[in-house]
PDB file of N, CA and C in Angstrom:
ATOM      1  N   MET A   1      -9.901  23.552   9.754  1.00  0.00           N
ATOM      2  CA  MET A   1      -8.973  24.171   8.841  1.00  0.00           C
ATOM      3  C   MET A   1      -9.179  25.676   8.786  1.00  0.00           C
ATOM      4  N   GLY A   2     -10.419  26.105   8.828  1.00  0.00           N
ATOM      5  CA  GLY A   2     -10.688  27.533   8.740  1.00  0.00           C
ATOM      6  C   GLY A   2     -10.156  28.305   9.928  1.00  0.00           C
ATOM      7  N   VAL A   3     -10.387  27.788  11.113  1.00  0.00           N
ATOM      8  CA  VAL A   3      -9.918  28.466  12.322  1.00  0.00           C
ATOM      9  C   VAL A   3      -8.394  28.408  12.405  1.00  0.00           C
ATOM     10  N   ASN A   4      -7.814  27.262  12.108  1.00  0.00           N
ATOM     11  CA  ASN A   4      -6.362  27.123  12.147  1.00  0.00           C
ATOM     12  C   ASN A   4      -5.701  28.042  11.117  1.00  0.00           C
ATOM     13  N   GLY A   5      -6.275  28.135   9.935  1.00  0.00           N
ATOM     14  CA  GLY A   5      -5.716  29.020   8.912  1.00  0.00           C
ATOM     15  C   GLY A   5      -5.838  30.486   9.271  1.00  0.00           C
ATOM     16  N   ALA A   6      -6.853  30.842  10.027  1.00  0.00           N
ATOM     17  CA  ALA A   6      -7.013  32.237  10.440  1.00  0.00           C
ATOM     18  C   ALA A   6      -6.070  32.595  11.585  1.00  0.00           C
ATOM     19  N   ILE A   7      -5.764  31.629  12.440  1.00  0.00           N
ATOM     20  CA  ILE A   7      -4.901  31.908  13.588  1.00  0.00           C
ATOM     21  C   ILE A   7      -3.424  31.759  13.220  1.00  0.00           C
ATOM     22  N   ASN A   8      -3.065  30.682  12.555  1.00  0.00           N
ATOM     23  CA  ASN A   8      -1.670  30.380  12.201  1.00  0.00           C
ATOM     24  C   ASN A   8      -1.414  30.650  10.724  1.00  0.00           C
ATOM     25  N   THR A   9      -1.775  31.822  10.256  1.00  0.00           N
ATOM     26  CA  THR A   9      -1.749  32.120   8.828  1.00  0.00           C
ATOM     27  C   THR A   9      -0.347  32.016   8.237  1.00  0.00           C
ATOM     28  N   ARG A  10       0.635  32.578   8.876  1.00  0.00           N
ATOM     29  CA  ARG A  10       2.001  32.556   8.335  1.00  0.00           C
ATOM     30  C   ARG A  10       2.528  31.120   8.248  1.00  0.00           C
ATOM     31  N   THR A  11       2.261  30.312   9.254  1.00  0.00           N
ATOM     32  CA  THR A  11       2.719  28.923   9.251  1.00  0.00           C
ATOM     33  C   THR A  11       2.048  28.135   8.133  1.00  0.00           C
ATOM     34  N   ILE A  12       0.756  28.332   7.944  1.00  0.00           N
ATOM     35  CA  ILE A  12       0.026  27.622   6.890  1.00  0.00           C
ATOM     36  C   ILE A  12       0.516  28.054   5.519  1.00  0.00           C
ATOM     37  N   ALA A  13       0.711  29.339   5.320  1.00  0.00           N
ATOM     38  CA  ALA A  13       1.150  29.853   4.012  1.00  0.00           C
ATOM     39  C   ALA A  13       2.539  29.339   3.661  1.00  0.00           C
ATOM     40  N   THR A  14       3.456  29.369   4.611  1.00  0.00           N
ATOM     41  CA  THR A  14       4.798  28.859   4.320  1.00  0.00           C
ATOM     42  C   THR A  14       4.794  27.338   4.198  1.00  0.00           C
ATOM     43  N   GLY A  15       3.906  26.667   4.898  1.00  0.00           N
ATOM     44  CA  GLY A  15       3.774  25.217   4.763  1.00  0.00           C
ATOM     45  C   GLY A  15       3.218  24.812   3.417  1.00  0.00           C
ATOM     46  N   ASP A  16       2.466  25.704   2.786  1.00  0.00           N
ATOM     47  CA  ASP A  16       1.934  25.438   1.454  1.00  0.00           C
ATOM     48  C   ASP A  16       2.954  25.722   0.356  1.00  0.00           C
ATOM     49  N   GLY A  17       4.145  26.137   0.736  1.00  0.00           N
ATOM     50  CA  GLY A  17       5.204  26.313  -0.250  1.00  0.00           C
ATOM     51  C   GLY A  17       5.411  27.746  -0.707  1.00  0.00           C
ATOM     52  N   LEU A  18       4.753  28.709  -0.092  1.00  0.00           N
ATOM     53  CA  LEU A  18       4.952  30.104  -0.492  1.00  0.00           C
ATOM     54  C   LEU A  18       6.164  30.691   0.214  1.00  0.00           C
ATOM     55  N   ARG A  19       6.974  31.392  -0.533  1.00  0.00           N
ATOM     56  CA  ARG A  19       8.128  32.079   0.048  1.00  0.00           C
ATOM     57  C   ARG A  19       7.744  33.521   0.291  1.00  0.00           C
ATOM     58  N   LEU A  20       7.528  33.878   1.531  1.00  0.00           N
ATOM     59  CA  LEU A  20       7.089  35.226   1.878  1.00  0.00           C
ATOM     60  C   LEU A  20       8.250  36.183   2.119  1.00  0.00           C
ATOM     61  N   ASP A  21       9.462  35.657   2.230  1.00  0.00           N
ATOM     62  CA  ASP A  21      10.608  36.488   2.575  1.00  0.00           C
ATOM     63  C   ASP A  21      10.932  37.521   1.494  1.00  0.00           C
ATOM     64  N   GLY A  22      10.863  37.162   0.241  1.00  0.00           N
ATOM     65  CA  GLY A  22      11.262  38.065  -0.838  1.00  0.00           C
ATOM     66  C   GLY A  22      10.173  39.012  -1.306  1.00  0.00           C
ATOM     67  N   LEU A  23       9.021  38.993  -0.684  1.00  0.00           N
ATOM     68  CA  LEU A  23       7.915  39.826  -1.145  1.00  0.00           C
ATOM     69  C   LEU A  23       7.909  41.220  -0.546  1.00  0.00           C
ATOM     70  N   GLY A  24       8.677  41.437   0.469  1.00  0.00           N
ATOM     71  CA  GLY A  24       8.603  42.710   1.173  1.00  0.00           C
ATOM     72  C   GLY A  24       7.460  42.667   2.179  1.00  0.00           C
ATOM     73  N   GLU A  25       7.431  43.646   3.035  1.00  0.00           N
ATOM     74  CA  GLU A  25       6.434  43.644   4.109  1.00  0.00           C
ATOM     75  C   GLU A  25       5.005  43.787   3.573  1.00  0.00           C
ATOM     76  N   GLY A  26       4.783  44.672   2.623  1.00  0.00           N
ATOM     77  CA  GLY A  26       3.434  44.870   2.088  1.00  0.00           C
ATOM     78  C   GLY A  26       2.926  43.679   1.307  1.00  0.00           C
ATOM     79  N   GLY A  27       3.798  43.062   0.511  1.00  0.00           N
ATOM     80  CA  GLY A  27       3.401  41.899  -0.270  1.00  0.00           C
ATOM     81  C   GLY A  27       3.099  40.699   0.601  1.00  0.00           C
ATOM     82  N   ALA A  28       3.939  40.481   1.607  1.00  0.00           N
ATOM     83  CA  ALA A  28       3.717  39.348   2.514  1.00  0.00           C
ATOM     84  C   ALA A  28       2.431  39.531   3.303  1.00  0.00           C
ATOM     85  N   GLU A  29       2.174  40.747   3.757  1.00  0.00           N
ATOM     86  CA  GLU A  29       0.939  41.000   4.510  1.00  0.00           C
ATOM     87  C   GLU A  29      -0.297  40.835   3.630  1.00  0.00           C
ATOM     88  N   THR A  30      -0.190  41.189   2.360  1.00  0.00           N
ATOM     89  CA  THR A  30      -1.321  41.000   1.440  1.00  0.00           C
ATOM     90  C   THR A  30      -1.608  39.518   1.232  1.00  0.00           C
ATOM     91  N   ILE A  31      -0.561  38.732   1.033  1.00  0.00           N
ATOM     92  CA  ILE A  31      -0.734  37.280   0.867  1.00  0.00           C
ATOM     93  C   ILE A  31      -1.329  36.675   2.131  1.00  0.00           C
ATOM     94  N   LEU A  32      -0.855  37.096   3.287  1.00  0.00           N
ATOM     95  CA  LEU A  32      -1.382  36.568   4.549  1.00  0.00           C
ATOM     96  C   LEU A  32      -2.836  36.968   4.755  1.00  0.00           C
ATOM     97  N   LEU A  33      -3.194  38.180   4.343  1.00  0.00           N
ATOM     98  CA  LEU A  33      -4.594  38.606   4.420  1.00  0.00           C
ATOM     99  C   LEU A  33      -5.476  37.739   3.525  1.00  0.00           C
ATOM    100  N   LEU A  34      -5.010  37.439   2.320  1.00  0.00           N
ATOM    101  CA  LEU A  34      -5.776  36.573   1.424  1.00  0.00           C
ATOM    102  C   LEU A  34      -5.924  35.163   1.997  1.00  0.00           C
ATOM    103  N   PHE A  35      -4.856  34.634   2.577  1.00  0.00           N
ATOM    104  CA  PHE A  35      -4.933  33.325   3.225  1.00  0.00           C
ATOM    105  C   PHE A  35      -5.926  33.338   4.368  1.00  0.00           C
ATOM    106  N   ARG A  36      -5.877  34.380   5.189  1.00  0.00           N
ATOM    107  CA  ARG A  36      -6.777  34.489   6.339  1.00  0.00           C
ATOM    108  C   ARG A  36      -8.236  34.580   5.871  1.00  0.00           C
ATOM    109  N   ASN A  37      -8.486  35.380   4.842  1.00  0.00           N
ATOM    110  CA  ASN A  37      -9.851  35.506   4.323  1.00  0.00           C
ATOM    111  C   ASN A  37     -10.355  34.196   3.724  1.00  0.00           C
ATOM    112  N   LEU A  38      -9.478  33.486   3.024  1.00  0.00           N
ATOM    113  CA  LEU A  38      -9.871  32.201   2.453  1.00  0.00           C
ATOM    114  C   LEU A  38     -10.174  31.187   3.556  1.00  0.00           C
ATOM    115  N   SER A  39      -9.386  31.223   4.618  1.00  0.00           N
ATOM    116  CA  SER A  39      -9.633  30.310   5.741  1.00  0.00           C
ATOM    117  C   SER A  39     -10.960  30.609   6.408  1.00  0.00           C
ATOM    118  N   LEU A  40     -11.247  31.863   6.608  1.00  0.00           N
ATOM    119  CA  LEU A  40     -12.520  32.232   7.228  1.00  0.00           C
ATOM    120  C   LEU A  40     -13.704  31.982   6.305  1.00  0.00           C
ATOM    121  N   ALA A  41     -13.473  31.954   5.001  1.00  0.00           N
ATOM    122  CA  ALA A  41     -14.557  31.682   4.056  1.00  0.00           C
ATOM    123  C   ALA A  41     -15.039  30.240   4.149  1.00  0.00           C
ATOM    124  N   HIS A  42     -14.224  29.357   4.711  1.00  0.00           N
ATOM    125  CA  HIS A  42     -14.631  27.964   4.875  1.00  0.00           C
ATOM    126  C   HIS A  42     -15.636  27.782   6.009  1.00  0.00           C
ATOM    127  N   LEU A  43     -15.658  28.672   6.961  1.00  0.00           N
ATOM    128  CA  LEU A  43     -16.501  28.496   8.151  1.00  0.00           C
ATOM    129  C   LEU A  43     -18.004  28.460   7.856  1.00  0.00           C
ATOM    130  N   PRO A  44     -18.561  29.319   6.977  1.00  0.00           N
ATOM    131  CA  PRO A  44     -20.000  29.174   6.687  1.00  0.00           C
ATOM    132  C   PRO A  44     -20.360  27.842   6.048  1.00  0.00           C
ATOM    133  N   LEU A  45     -19.472  27.317   5.205  1.00  0.00           N
ATOM    134  CA  LEU A  45     -19.737  26.022   4.587  1.00  0.00           C
ATOM    135  C   LEU A  45     -19.727  24.914   5.637  1.00  0.00           C
ATOM    136  N   VAL A  46     -18.860  25.026   6.620  1.00  0.00           N
ATOM    137  CA  VAL A  46     -18.833  24.061   7.726  1.00  0.00           C
ATOM    138  C   VAL A  46     -20.118  24.165   8.541  1.00  0.00           C
ATOM    139  N   ALA A  47     -20.585  25.376   8.785  1.00  0.00           N
ATOM    140  CA  ALA A  47     -21.831  25.562   9.541  1.00  0.00           C
ATOM    141  C   ALA A  47     -23.015  24.969   8.783  1.00  0.00           C
ATOM    142  N   ILE A  48     -23.055  25.166   7.481  1.00  0.00           N
ATOM    143  CA  ILE A  48     -24.130  24.580   6.672  1.00  0.00           C
ATOM    144  C   ILE A  48     -24.053  23.057   6.737  1.00  0.00           C
ATOM    145  N   GLY A  49     -22.846  22.508   6.687  1.00  0.00           N
ATOM    146  CA  GLY A  49     -22.673  21.058   6.793  1.00  0.00           C
ATOM    147  C   GLY A  49     -23.162  20.514   8.122  1.00  0.00           C
ATOM    148  N   ALA A  50     -22.883  21.234   9.195  1.00  0.00           N
ATOM    149  CA  ALA A  50     -23.335  20.789  10.516  1.00  0.00           C
ATOM    150  C   ALA A  50     -24.853  20.816  10.604  1.00  0.00           C
ATOM    151  N   VAL A  51     -25.472  21.837  10.060  1.00  0.00           N
ATOM    152  CA  VAL A  51     -26.942  21.923  10.076  1.00  0.00           C
ATOM    153  C   VAL A  51     -27.554  20.818   9.226  1.00  0.00           C
ATOM    154  N   VAL A  52     -26.943  20.538   8.073  1.00  0.00           N
ATOM    155  CA  VAL A  52     -27.458  19.466   7.210  1.00  0.00           C
ATOM    156  C   VAL A  52     -27.368  18.124   7.926  1.00  0.00           C
ATOM    157  N   LEU A  53     -26.249  17.858   8.574  1.00  0.00           N
ATOM    158  CA  LEU A  53     -26.115  16.589   9.301  1.00  0.00           C
ATOM    159  C   LEU A  53     -27.082  16.493  10.467  1.00  0.00           C
ATOM    160  N   TRP A  54     -27.352  17.617  11.099  1.00  0.00           N
ATOM    161  CA  TRP A  54     -28.213  17.610  12.268  1.00  0.00           C
ATOM    162  C   TRP A  54     -29.683  17.569  11.893  1.00  0.00           C
ATOM    163  N   ARG A  55     -30.082  18.324  10.864  1.00  0.00           N
ATOM    164  CA  ARG A  55     -31.496  18.513  10.591  1.00  0.00           C
ATOM    165  C   ARG A  55     -31.988  17.855   9.301  1.00  0.00           C
ATOM    166  N   TRP A  56     -31.254  17.973   8.204  1.00  0.00           N
ATOM    167  CA  TRP A  56     -31.720  17.516   6.899  1.00  0.00           C
ATOM    168  C   TRP A  56     -30.797  16.439   6.353  1.00  0.00           C
ATOM    169  N   ARG A  57     -30.948  15.254   6.848  1.00  0.00           N
ATOM    170  CA  ARG A  57     -30.051  14.158   6.445  1.00  0.00           C
ATOM    171  C   ARG A  57     -30.217  13.768   4.984  1.00  0.00           C
ATOM    172  N   ALA A  58     -31.363  14.056   4.398  1.00  0.00           N
ATOM    173  CA  ALA A  58     -31.570  13.729   2.988  1.00  0.00           C
ATOM    174  C   ALA A  58     -30.706  14.604   2.082  1.00  0.00           C
ATOM    175  N   MET A  59     -30.202  15.714   2.614  1.00  0.00           N
ATOM    176  CA  MET A  59     -29.355  16.603   1.806  1.00  0.00           C
ATOM    177  C   MET A  59     -27.872  16.260   1.891  1.00  0.00           C
ATOM    178  N   VAL A  60     -27.509  15.221   2.602  1.00  0.00           N
ATOM    179  CA  VAL A  60     -26.098  14.855   2.760  1.00  0.00           C
ATOM    180  C   VAL A  60     -25.436  14.568   1.409  1.00  0.00           C
ATOM    181  N   PRO A  61     -26.053  13.805   0.491  1.00  0.00           N
ATOM    182  CA  PRO A  61     -25.404  13.620  -0.821  1.00  0.00           C
ATOM    183  C   PRO A  61     -25.198  14.940  -1.568  1.00  0.00           C
ATOM    184  N   PHE A  62     -26.163  15.846  -1.465  1.00  0.00           N
ATOM    185  CA  PHE A  62     -26.003  17.147  -2.118  1.00  0.00           C
ATOM    186  C   PHE A  62     -24.859  17.938  -1.497  1.00  0.00           C
ATOM    187  N   LEU A  63     -24.734  17.886  -0.185  1.00  0.00           N
ATOM    188  CA  LEU A  63     -23.636  18.580   0.487  1.00  0.00           C
ATOM    189  C   LEU A  63     -22.295  18.001   0.056  1.00  0.00           C
ATOM    190  N   TYR A  64     -22.204  16.684  -0.032  1.00  0.00           N
ATOM    191  CA  TYR A  64     -20.975  16.077  -0.541  1.00  0.00           C
ATOM    192  C   TYR A  64     -20.691  16.532  -1.965  1.00  0.00           C
ATOM    193  N   LEU A  65     -21.712  16.632  -2.786  1.00  0.00           N
ATOM    194  CA  LEU A  65     -21.523  17.087  -4.160  1.00  0.00           C
ATOM    195  C   LEU A  65     -21.019  18.524  -4.197  1.00  0.00           C
ATOM    196  N   VAL A  66     -21.537  19.382  -3.343  1.00  0.00           N
ATOM    197  CA  VAL A  66     -21.062  20.769  -3.264  1.00  0.00           C
ATOM    198  C   VAL A  66     -19.605  20.817  -2.823  1.00  0.00           C
ATOM    199  N   LEU A  67     -19.261  20.054  -1.792  1.00  0.00           N
ATOM    200  CA  LEU A  67     -17.883  20.039  -1.301  1.00  0.00           C
ATOM    201  C   LEU A  67     -16.923  19.448  -2.330  1.00  0.00           C
ATOM    202  N   LEU A  68     -17.353  18.400  -3.030  1.00  0.00           N
ATOM    203  CA  LEU A  68     -16.528  17.813  -4.080  1.00  0.00           C
ATOM    204  C   LEU A  68     -16.307  18.792  -5.223  1.00  0.00           C
ATOM    205  N   SER A  69     -17.365  19.451  -5.659  1.00  0.00           N
ATOM    206  CA  SER A  69     -17.213  20.410  -6.752  1.00  0.00           C
ATOM    207  C   SER A  69     -16.330  21.576  -6.335  1.00  0.00           C
ATOM    208  N   ASP A  70     -16.417  21.998  -5.089  1.00  0.00           N
ATOM    209  CA  ASP A  70     -15.552  23.051  -4.581  1.00  0.00           C
ATOM    210  C   ASP A  70     -14.084  22.634  -4.681  1.00  0.00           C
ATOM    211  N   GLN A  71     -13.771  21.431  -4.231  1.00  0.00           N
ATOM    212  CA  GLN A  71     -12.387  20.947  -4.280  1.00  0.00           C
ATOM    213  C   GLN A  71     -11.890  20.794  -5.713  1.00  0.00           C
ATOM    214  N   VAL A  72     -12.732  20.235  -6.591  1.00  0.00           N
ATOM    215  CA  VAL A  72     -12.314  20.012  -7.977  1.00  0.00           C
ATOM    216  C   VAL A  72     -12.103  21.333  -8.702  1.00  0.00           C
ATOM    217  N   VAL A  73     -13.012  22.276  -8.521  1.00  0.00           N
ATOM    218  CA  VAL A  73     -12.861  23.572  -9.194  1.00  0.00           C
ATOM    219  C   VAL A  73     -11.629  24.307  -8.675  1.00  0.00           C
ATOM    220  N   ARG A  74     -11.400  24.271  -7.375  1.00  0.00           N
ATOM    221  CA  ARG A  74     -10.191  24.909  -6.825  1.00  0.00           C
ATOM    222  C   ARG A  74      -8.934  24.274  -7.393  1.00  0.00           C
ATOM    223  N   ARG A  75      -8.938  22.949  -7.537  1.00  0.00           N
ATOM    224  CA  ARG A  75      -7.775  22.260  -8.085  1.00  0.00           C
ATOM    225  C   ARG A  75      -7.545  22.626  -9.545  1.00  0.00           C
ATOM    226  N   LEU A  76      -8.626  22.703 -10.317  1.00  0.00           N
ATOM    227  CA  LEU A  76      -8.489  23.082 -11.723  1.00  0.00           C
ATOM    228  C   LEU A  76      -7.989  24.518 -11.879  1.00  0.00           C
ATOM    229  N   VAL A  77      -8.499  25.419 -11.056  1.00  0.00           N
ATOM    230  CA  VAL A  77      -8.043  26.810 -11.108  1.00  0.00           C
ATOM    231  C   VAL A  77      -6.578  26.904 -10.700  1.00  0.00           C
ATOM    232  N   ALA A  78      -6.188  26.150  -9.695  1.00  0.00           N
ATOM    233  CA  ALA A  78      -4.792  26.170  -9.251  1.00  0.00           C
ATOM    234  C   ALA A  78      -3.859  25.628 -10.321  1.00  0.00           C
ATOM    235  N   GLN A  79      -4.286  24.599 -11.052  1.00  0.00           N
ATOM    236  CA  GLN A  79      -3.444  24.054 -12.109  1.00  0.00           C
ATOM    237  C   GLN A  79      -3.407  24.968 -13.324  1.00  0.00           C
ATOM    238  N   ALA A  80      -4.496  25.659 -13.592  1.00  0.00           N
ATOM    239  CA  ALA A  80      -4.521  26.568 -14.734  1.00  0.00           C
ATOM    240  C   ALA A  80      -3.700  27.828 -14.480  1.00  0.00           C
ATOM    241  N   ASN A  81      -3.577  28.218 -13.226  1.00  0.00           N
ATOM    242  CA  ASN A  81      -2.831  29.418 -12.862  1.00  0.00           C
ATOM    243  C   ASN A  81      -1.690  29.050 -11.933  1.00  0.00           C
ATOM    244  N   ALA A  82      -0.774  28.246 -12.426  1.00  0.00           N
ATOM    245  CA  ALA A  82       0.332  27.787 -11.595  1.00  0.00           C
ATOM    246  C   ALA A  82       1.198  28.969 -11.170  1.00  0.00           C
ATOM    247  N   VAL A  83       1.559  28.967  -9.904  1.00  0.00           N
ATOM    248  CA  VAL A  83       2.394  30.031  -9.358  1.00  0.00           C
ATOM    249  C   VAL A  83       3.839  29.574  -9.419  1.00  0.00           C
ATOM    250  N   ALA A  84       4.692  30.383 -10.025  1.00  0.00           N
ATOM    251  CA  ALA A  84       6.107  30.047 -10.093  1.00  0.00           C
ATOM    252  C   ALA A  84       6.726  30.163  -8.708  1.00  0.00           C
ATOM    253  N   GLY A  85       7.562  29.222  -8.378  1.00  0.00           N
ATOM    254  CA  GLY A  85       8.269  29.276  -7.110  1.00  0.00           C
ATOM    255  C   GLY A  85       7.645  28.449  -6.011  1.00  0.00           C
ATOM    256  N   THR A  86       6.507  27.816  -6.255  1.00  0.00           N
ATOM    257  CA  THR A  86       5.943  26.943  -5.227  1.00  0.00           C
ATOM    258  C   THR A  86       6.508  25.546  -5.411  1.00  0.00           C
ATOM    259  N   GLU A  87       6.647  24.860  -4.325  1.00  0.00           N
ATOM    260  CA  GLU A  87       7.219  23.516  -4.356  1.00  0.00           C
ATOM    261  C   GLU A  87       6.137  22.505  -4.720  1.00  0.00           C
ATOM    262  N   PRO A  88       6.352  21.686  -5.753  1.00  0.00           N
ATOM    263  CA  PRO A  88       5.334  20.702  -6.123  1.00  0.00           C
ATOM    264  C   PRO A  88       5.183  19.581  -5.102  1.00  0.00           C
ATOM    265  N   SER A  89       6.146  19.404  -4.213  1.00  0.00           N
ATOM    266  CA  SER A  89       6.056  18.322  -3.231  1.00  0.00           C
ATOM    267  C   SER A  89       5.623  18.838  -1.866  1.00  0.00           C
ATOM    268  N   ALA A  90       4.930  19.964  -1.829  1.00  0.00           N
ATOM    269  CA  ALA A  90       4.481  20.518  -0.556  1.00  0.00           C
ATOM    270  C   ALA A  90       3.481  19.575   0.105  1.00  0.00           C
ATOM    271  N   VAL A  91       3.448  19.604   1.414  1.00  0.00           N
ATOM    272  CA  VAL A  91       2.569  18.728   2.189  1.00  0.00           C
ATOM    273  C   VAL A  91       1.105  19.034   1.884  1.00  0.00           C
ATOM    274  N   ALA A  92       0.801  20.274   1.567  1.00  0.00           N
ATOM    275  CA  ALA A  92      -0.583  20.669   1.314  1.00  0.00           C
ATOM    276  C   ALA A  92      -1.196  19.913   0.137  1.00  0.00           C
ATOM    277  N   ILE A  93      -0.406  19.573  -0.844  1.00  0.00           N
ATOM    278  CA  ILE A  93      -0.929  18.819  -1.991  1.00  0.00           C
ATOM    279  C   ILE A  93      -1.452  17.467  -1.530  1.00  0.00           C
ATOM    280  N   TRP A  94      -0.700  16.802  -0.673  1.00  0.00           N
ATOM    281  CA  TRP A  94      -1.111  15.480  -0.190  1.00  0.00           C
ATOM    282  C   TRP A  94      -2.314  15.586   0.733  1.00  0.00           C
ATOM    283  N   ILE A  95      -2.371  16.633   1.519  1.00  0.00           N
ATOM    284  CA  ILE A  95      -3.533  16.838   2.385  1.00  0.00           C
ATOM    285  C   ILE A  95      -4.779  17.073   1.542  1.00  0.00           C
ATOM    286  N   ASN A  96      -4.665  17.903   0.510  1.00  0.00           N
ATOM    287  CA  ASN A  96      -5.815  18.176  -0.360  1.00  0.00           C
ATOM    288  C   ASN A  96      -6.249  16.933  -1.125  1.00  0.00           C
ATOM    289  N   LEU A  97      -5.300  16.116  -1.568  1.00  0.00           N
ATOM    290  CA  LEU A  97      -5.674  14.876  -2.247  1.00  0.00           C
ATOM    291  C   LEU A  97      -6.366  13.903  -1.292  1.00  0.00           C
ATOM    292  N   ALA A  98      -5.931  13.867  -0.042  1.00  0.00           N
ATOM    293  CA  ALA A  98      -6.594  13.008   0.948  1.00  0.00           C
ATOM    294  C   ALA A  98      -8.013  13.492   1.220  1.00  0.00           C
ATOM    295  N   ILE A  99      -8.186  14.812   1.323  1.00  0.00           N
ATOM    296  CA  ILE A  99      -9.528  15.369   1.525  1.00  0.00           C
ATOM    297  C   ILE A  99     -10.414  15.055   0.330  1.00  0.00           C
ATOM    298  N   LEU A 100      -9.861  15.174  -0.874  1.00  0.00           N
ATOM    299  CA  LEU A 100     -10.629  14.862  -2.077  1.00  0.00           C
ATOM    300  C   LEU A 100     -11.041  13.394  -2.098  1.00  0.00           C
ATOM    301  N   ALA A 101     -10.138  12.491  -1.714  1.00  0.00           N
ATOM    302  CA  ALA A 101     -10.466  11.061  -1.675  1.00  0.00           C
ATOM    303  C   ALA A 101     -11.531  10.771  -0.621  1.00  0.00           C
ATOM    304  N   LEU A 102     -11.419  11.401   0.538  1.00  0.00           N
ATOM    305  CA  LEU A 102     -12.427  11.202   1.584  1.00  0.00           C
ATOM    306  C   LEU A 102     -13.791  11.745   1.163  1.00  0.00           C
ATOM    307  N   LEU A 103     -13.797  12.893   0.499  1.00  0.00           N
ATOM    308  CA  LEU A 103     -15.066  13.448   0.022  1.00  0.00           C
ATOM    309  C   LEU A 103     -15.695  12.549  -1.034  1.00  0.00           C
ATOM    310  N   LEU A 104     -14.878  12.028  -1.931  1.00  0.00           N
ATOM    311  CA  LEU A 104     -15.402  11.139  -2.973  1.00  0.00           C
ATOM    312  C   LEU A 104     -15.971   9.862  -2.370  1.00  0.00           C
ATOM    313  N   SER A 105     -15.256   9.265  -1.423  1.00  0.00           N
ATOM    314  CA  SER A 105     -15.780   8.052  -0.797  1.00  0.00           C
ATOM    315  C   SER A 105     -17.015   8.358   0.048  1.00  0.00           C
ATOM    316  N   GLY A 106     -17.046   9.508   0.719  1.00  0.00           N
ATOM    317  CA  GLY A 106     -18.238   9.897   1.469  1.00  0.00           C
ATOM    318  C   GLY A 106     -19.432  10.120   0.569  1.00  0.00           C
ATOM    319  N   PHE A 107     -19.200  10.713  -0.598  1.00  0.00           N
ATOM    320  CA  PHE A 107     -20.286  10.933  -1.558  1.00  0.00           C
ATOM    321  C   PHE A 107     -20.845   9.605  -2.050  1.00  0.00           C
ATOM    322  N   VAL A 108     -19.969   8.678  -2.399  1.00  0.00           N
ATOM    323  CA  VAL A 108     -20.426   7.361  -2.866  1.00  0.00           C
ATOM    324  C   VAL A 108     -21.192   6.638  -1.762  1.00  0.00           C
ATOM    325  N   LEU A 109     -20.672   6.686  -0.541  1.00  0.00           N
ATOM    326  CA  LEU A 109     -21.359   6.024   0.565  1.00  0.00           C
ATOM    327  C   LEU A 109     -22.683   6.698   0.912  1.00  0.00           C
ATOM    328  N   SER A 110     -22.791   8.014   0.704  1.00  0.00           N
ATOM    329  CA  SER A 110     -24.054   8.690   0.998  1.00  0.00           C
ATOM    330  C   SER A 110     -25.136   8.329  -0.015  1.00  0.00           C
ATOM    331  N   LEU A 111     -24.732   7.909  -1.208  1.00  0.00           N
ATOM    332  CA  LEU A 111     -25.704   7.488  -2.219  1.00  0.00           C
ATOM    333  C   LEU A 111     -26.113   6.027  -2.064  1.00  0.00           C
ATOM    334  N   TRP A 112     -25.340   5.272  -1.319  1.00  0.00           N
ATOM    335  CA  TRP A 112     -25.610   3.852  -1.148  1.00  0.00           C
ATOM    336  C   TRP A 112     -26.846   3.672  -0.288  1.00  0.00           C
ATOM    337  N   ASN A 113     -27.797   2.896  -0.758  1.00  0.00           N
ATOM    338  CA  ASN A 113     -29.044   2.640  -0.053  1.00  0.00           C
ATOM    339  C   ASN A 113     -28.861   1.422   0.839  1.00  0.00           C
ATOM    340  N   ARG A 114     -28.749   1.667   2.147  1.00  0.00           N
ATOM    341  CA  ARG A 114     -28.515   0.570   3.090  1.00  0.00           C
ATOM    342  C   ARG A 114     -29.784  -0.185   3.442  1.00  0.00           C
ATOM    343  N   SER A 115     -30.939   0.388   3.197  1.00  0.00           N
ATOM    344  CA  SER A 115     -32.176  -0.293   3.589  1.00  0.00           C
ATOM    345  C   SER A 115     -32.372  -1.587   2.803  1.00  0.00           C
ATOM    346  N   SER A 116     -31.979  -1.618   1.540  1.00  0.00           N
ATOM    347  CA  SER A 116     -32.125  -2.855   0.776  1.00  0.00           C
ATOM    348  C   SER A 116     -31.076  -3.884   1.188  1.00  0.00           C
ATOM    349  N   ALA A 117     -29.919  -3.429   1.634  1.00  0.00           N
ATOM    350  CA  ALA A 117     -28.896  -4.382   2.074  1.00  0.00           C
ATOM    351  C   ALA A 117     -29.191  -4.930   3.461  1.00  0.00           C
ATOM    352  N   ALA A 118     -29.939  -4.187   4.282  1.00  0.00           N
ATOM    353  CA  ALA A 118     -30.217  -4.609   5.638  1.00  0.00           C
ATOM    354  C   ALA A 118     -31.447  -5.500   5.736  1.00  0.00           C
ATOM    355  N   ARG A 119     -32.287  -5.502   4.710  1.00  0.00           N
ATOM    356  CA  ARG A 119     -33.495  -6.334   4.737  1.00  0.00           C
ATOM    357  C   ARG A 119     -33.143  -7.806   4.601  1.00  0.00           C
ATOM    358  N   PRO A 120     -33.784  -8.638   5.404  1.00  0.00           N
ATOM    359  CA  PRO A 120     -33.551 -10.075   5.227  1.00  0.00           C
ATOM    360  C   PRO A 120     -34.250 -10.554   3.959  1.00  0.00           C
ATOM    361  N   SER A 121     -33.641 -11.536   3.340  1.00  0.00           N
ATOM    362  CA  SER A 121     -34.232 -12.072   2.122  1.00  0.00           C
ATOM    363  C   SER A 121     -35.459 -12.912   2.473  1.00  0.00           C
ATOM    364  N   PRO A 122     -36.486 -12.847   1.633  1.00  0.00           N
ATOM    365  CA  PRO A 122     -37.705 -13.642   1.915  1.00  0.00           C
ATOM    366  C   PRO A 122     -37.401 -15.130   1.764  1.00  0.00           C
ATOM    367  N   LYS A 123     -37.991 -15.943   2.658  1.00  0.00           N
ATOM    368  CA  LYS A 123     -37.753 -17.397   2.605  1.00  0.00           C
ATOM    369  C   LYS A 123     -38.895 -18.127   1.999  1.00  0.00           C
TER     370      LYS A 123
END
């Protein structure tokens, strides 16, 4: 998402329901710059996630908790500061809800202790 948002910024912004046509050239470029910066801000978190999966598997539940809190806080801020003129049925809402559901299920599964379920019962 970070790389795609940095490369295809205008497509992502208009796909999220923003109307860039009426903002003028300076306003549209400012919005696109903010989108590009936000997309690139995701890359360090992805790198940390890759290192955690590769090296520190015990931190996977914590990483899920960080990613979940990031999504929830962003959603709360977006609802508290609703932007007039955005479409409530934009595809991005459904994508974000799917990501939130996947993160929640991943967090629950990362807390599940499989060693007790895999042990055979004593006879």
